[in-house]
Amino acid sequence: MAGLGFLAMGGRWLLQAERERNAAENDLIRERETLRLLYANSPDAVAVIDRGLRVLYANRRVEEIAGLRSRRCRAGRATSGCAAAPRRAPAA
């Protein structure tokens, strides 16, 4: 019967570990969403580029300053895939 007691204790440990893992995942999701909202609503240009020079994130201000076309400069594309939009002369 000692084996059954060990299984019961092990089951509680597994349940506690699962709860802690779920709580950590939920915390990470909330932190990522908070950062996403900060970047998206920042008046400053914010871009995240990985070591392979792929744009992981660029907010609207980056696109405005650099004249990038948002559909060509999406997350996961190499920075060379981000083409500058043609500049228009100001209306007279």
Foldseek 3Di string as FASTA:
>chain_A
DVVVVVVVVVVVVVVVVVVVVVVVVVVVVVVVVVVVVCQQPDPDWDWDADPQQFTQDTYPNVCVVQQWDDVQRDHPHHPVSTDHDDDDDDDD
